Structures are given as structure tokens and as C-alpha cells.
């Protein structure tokens, strides 16, 4: 299983490369991302840079999360872009690549995102909201070389992660 890299790893702070979704290595990467996400308690998304690969690929699955309103189950997108974004709201975020901190980030509460399905290269468009929209934007940020810490309003909006026993 691939290991999650943590800040300040350089792969997390530079834009990732576009990919050929039909490339067998990308298909394998997509499968690995889903496996790592599922093996990581509380994880609802994971991007290729988080496992040390500079590629615009990520997975999301917010199924069963208490903050989820809309859910599309487990999905993986390559070369995703946000087509529409609206209803901006602040919310607390954490990240496996920044394990000790959380922060308040303003994100769109409704988005339309387009990307390519690994394997087939089929173009898919997803319209989502609430927590799933936040998770997708968080993962797209990883593909752009940004962490949630780059989006907080300042040091006053960063918190030590709480550990629940």
C-alpha cells in the first residue's frame, strides 16, 4: 500500500501534471488511491500528490459521513476542473498530509466539476453540494499544489487537531 506524504514534501506544493486516463499506470494509481482512502479512518478523499505522485488524479467518497447531503459514492477523476462554483461557506477541514492541524476554509457549497474517468477516459460531469463539494475542492487543490493551509484566512483560523480516544 502506498504511503501518504506529509507537508512540507515538495510534491504537495507544486501543480501536478495532467494525465492520460487510459494509461495503465494511471488506472493502477486510481485503484491505489481508493485503497489508501478506504484503509484510512475518517478519510473521505485522496489525491495523487498525497502519495508522492505528481498527477492530476483524486478519489472521493463521503458516503455515510454525517456532514454529507449529496453523495455520488466512490469516484475517481483525472484532470478535473470546476465549471461552476457558488454559495461560498466557511468550514473546518483537516488533511492526512497535515496530520496535526485543522483550519477554517471558505469553499463553494455548490459546484459542477468535470473530469475524466480512469481507464476509459470518459468525460463525466458531477453536480454536488455541501460536504461532498468541499471534499472535491480540497482534492482539486492538492492537484494544483495547494494545501488547505494556503486557503485559511490567517493563523487565527488554524487549530491543533483534536485526538478522540
Protein backbone atom coordinates (compact mmCIF):
# COMPACT_ATOMS: atom_id res chain seq x y z
CA UNK A 1 0.00 0.00 0.00
CA UNK A 2 1.25 3.48 -0.85
CA UNK A 3 2.23 5.78 2.00
CA UNK A 4 0.74 9.24 2.50
CA UNK A 5 3.35 12.01 2.35
CA UNK A 6 3.13 14.96 4.70
CA UNK A 7 3.98 18.64 4.45
CA UNK A 8 6.49 20.04 3.68
CA UNK A 9 7.06 17.40 0.94
CA UNK A 10 7.68 19.32 -2.30
CA UNK A 11 5.19 17.21 -4.31
CA UNK A 12 2.43 18.82 -2.21
CA UNK A 13 3.37 22.37 -3.15
CA UNK A 14 3.67 22.21 -6.93
CA UNK A 15 0.97 21.79 -9.58
CA UNK A 16 0.59 18.18 -10.72
CA UNK A 17 0.81 17.09 -14.34
CA UNK A 18 -2.21 16.28 -16.48
CA UNK A 19 -2.53 12.57 -17.16
CA UNK A 20 -3.68 10.17 -19.84
CA UNK A 21 -6.59 8.42 -18.08
CA UNK A 22 -6.14 5.34 -20.33
CA UNK A 23 -2.54 4.80 -19.19
CA UNK A 24 -2.38 1.53 -17.18
CA UNK A 25 -0.17 3.28 -14.58
CA UNK A 26 -2.91 5.87 -14.01
CA UNK A 27 -5.55 3.14 -13.68
CA UNK A 28 -3.33 1.42 -11.08
CA UNK A 29 -2.78 4.75 -9.30
CA UNK A 30 -6.56 5.31 -9.17
CA UNK A 31 -7.06 1.87 -7.60
CA UNK A 32 -4.28 2.57 -5.08
CA UNK A 33 -5.79 5.92 -4.09
CA UNK A 34 -9.15 4.29 -3.35
CA UNK A 35 -7.43 1.51 -1.35
CA UNK A 36 -5.47 4.00 0.78
CA UNK A 37 -8.58 6.15 1.32
CA UNK A 38 -10.61 3.13 2.47
CA UNK A 39 -7.81 1.94 4.78
CA UNK A 40 -7.54 5.36 6.45
CA UNK A 41 -10.18 6.01 9.16
CA UNK A 42 -12.10 9.23 8.56
CA UNK A 43 -10.58 9.81 5.12
CA UNK A 44 -13.11 10.99 2.50
CA UNK A 45 -10.72 11.85 -0.32
CA UNK A 46 -7.15 11.44 -1.50
CA UNK A 47 -5.15 12.99 -4.34
CA UNK A 48 -2.14 11.55 -6.17
CA UNK A 49 0.30 14.18 -4.79
CA UNK A 50 -0.58 12.93 -1.30
CA UNK A 51 1.01 9.58 -2.17
CA UNK A 52 4.02 11.24 -3.76
CA UNK A 53 2.83 11.17 -7.39
CA UNK A 54 2.64 14.43 -9.34
CA UNK A 55 -0.54 13.59 -11.27
CA UNK A 56 -3.95 15.24 -11.51
CA UNK A 57 -5.90 12.28 -10.14
CA UNK A 58 -8.02 12.06 -6.99
CA UNK A 59 -10.73 9.98 -5.37
CA UNK A 60 -13.62 10.99 -3.11
CA UNK A 61 -16.24 9.07 -1.14
CA UNK A 62 -18.31 10.86 1.52
CA UNK A 63 -20.88 8.05 1.80
CA UNK A 64 -22.12 7.75 5.37
CA UNK A 65 -20.38 10.91 6.59
CA UNK A 66 -22.66 12.89 8.94
CA UNK A 67 -21.99 16.18 7.10
CA UNK A 68 -22.79 14.73 3.65
CA UNK A 69 -26.02 15.84 1.97
CA UNK A 70 -25.38 14.70 -1.60
CA UNK A 71 -23.17 11.71 -2.32
CA UNK A 72 -22.07 10.10 -5.56
CA UNK A 73 -20.40 7.12 -3.86
CA UNK A 74 -16.77 6.36 -4.62
CA UNK A 75 -15.44 8.13 -7.69
CA UNK A 76 -12.06 8.92 -9.22
CA UNK A 77 -11.44 11.84 -11.56
CA UNK A 78 -8.46 12.69 -13.76
CA UNK A 79 -7.65 16.24 -14.90
CA UNK A 80 -10.70 17.64 -13.10
CA UNK A 81 -11.78 21.24 -13.40
CA UNK A 82 -14.52 23.19 -11.65
CA UNK A 83 -17.01 24.58 -14.16
CA UNK A 84 -19.31 26.36 -11.69
CA UNK A 85 -18.99 27.33 -8.03
CA UNK A 86 -21.36 29.22 -5.77
CA UNK A 87 -22.82 29.71 -2.28
CA UNK A 88 -19.46 30.15 -0.51
CA UNK A 89 -19.37 28.98 3.11
CA UNK A 90 -16.65 28.58 5.75
CA UNK A 91 -16.00 25.12 7.19
CA UNK A 92 -13.41 23.19 9.18
CA UNK A 93 -11.01 20.98 7.20
CA UNK A 94 -8.30 18.51 8.02
CA UNK A 95 -5.90 16.60 5.82
CA UNK A 96 -3.88 13.41 6.03
CA UNK A 97 -0.88 15.34 4.66
CA UNK A 98 -1.18 17.87 7.52
CA UNK A 99 -1.95 15.42 10.32
CA UNK A 100 -1.65 17.72 13.34
CA UNK A 101 -3.74 20.71 12.21
CA UNK A 102 -7.22 21.68 11.03
CA UNK A 103 -8.40 25.00 9.69
CA UNK A 104 -11.39 27.07 8.64
CA UNK A 105 -11.60 27.35 4.84
CA UNK A 106 -14.17 29.17 2.73
CA UNK A 107 -15.34 26.97 -0.15
CA UNK A 108 -18.23 26.82 -2.58
CA UNK A 109 -21.21 24.92 -1.16
CA UNK A 110 -22.35 24.00 -4.68
CA UNK A 111 -20.09 23.05 -7.59
CA UNK A 112 -20.15 21.50 -11.03
CA UNK A 113 -16.95 19.61 -11.76
CA UNK A 114 -15.82 17.87 -14.93
CA UNK A 115 -13.15 15.22 -15.24
CA UNK A 116 -12.16 12.03 -16.99
CA UNK A 117 -12.78 8.52 -15.71
CA UNK A 118 -9.59 6.46 -15.35
CA UNK A 119 -9.42 3.54 -17.75
CA UNK A 120 -11.98 4.72 -20.28
CA UNK A 121 -11.23 8.44 -20.41
CA UNK A 122 -15.00 9.03 -20.43
CA UNK A 123 -15.81 12.66 -19.62
CA UNK A 124 -18.09 12.93 -16.60
CA UNK A 125 -19.74 15.92 -15.00
CA UNK A 126 -20.75 15.89 -11.35
CA UNK A 127 -23.01 18.46 -9.71
CA UNK A 128 -22.73 18.34 -5.95
CA UNK A 129 -23.06 20.36 -2.80
CA UNK A 130 -22.27 20.64 0.89
CA UNK A 131 -19.60 18.29 2.26
CA UNK A 132 -19.00 16.40 -1.00
CA UNK A 133 -18.39 19.72 -2.80
CA UNK A 134 -15.89 20.69 -0.08
CA UNK A 135 -14.08 17.35 -0.39
CA UNK A 136 -13.83 17.65 -4.20
CA UNK A 137 -12.45 21.20 -3.97
CA UNK A 138 -9.93 20.08 -1.34
CA UNK A 139 -8.64 17.31 -3.64
CA UNK A 140 -8.54 19.57 -6.71
CA UNK A 141 -6.44 21.95 -4.61
CA UNK A 142 -3.96 19.11 -3.94
CA UNK A 143 -3.67 18.60 -7.69
CA UNK A 144 -2.93 22.34 -8.04
CA UNK A 145 -0.18 22.22 -5.40
CA UNK A 146 -2.25 23.79 -2.63
CA UNK A 147 -2.98 22.67 0.92
CA UNK A 148 -5.95 23.81 3.00
CA UNK A 149 -3.43 25.91 4.97
CA UNK A 150 -2.98 28.02 1.81
CA UNK A 151 -6.71 28.86 1.93
CA UNK A 152 -7.20 29.79 5.61
CA UNK A 153 -7.78 33.47 6.45
CA UNK A 154 -4.77 33.53 8.78
CA UNK A 155 -3.14 31.94 11.82
CA UNK A 156 -6.30 32.62 13.86
CA UNK A 157 -8.15 30.09 11.64
CA UNK A 158 -5.70 27.19 12.21
CA UNK A 159 -6.22 24.75 15.11
CA UNK A 160 -4.42 21.84 16.73
CA UNK A 161 -6.21 18.64 15.65
CA UNK A 162 -8.23 17.07 18.45
CA UNK A 163 -7.49 13.43 19.18
CA UNK A 164 -10.50 11.41 20.30
CA UNK A 165 -9.76 8.25 22.25
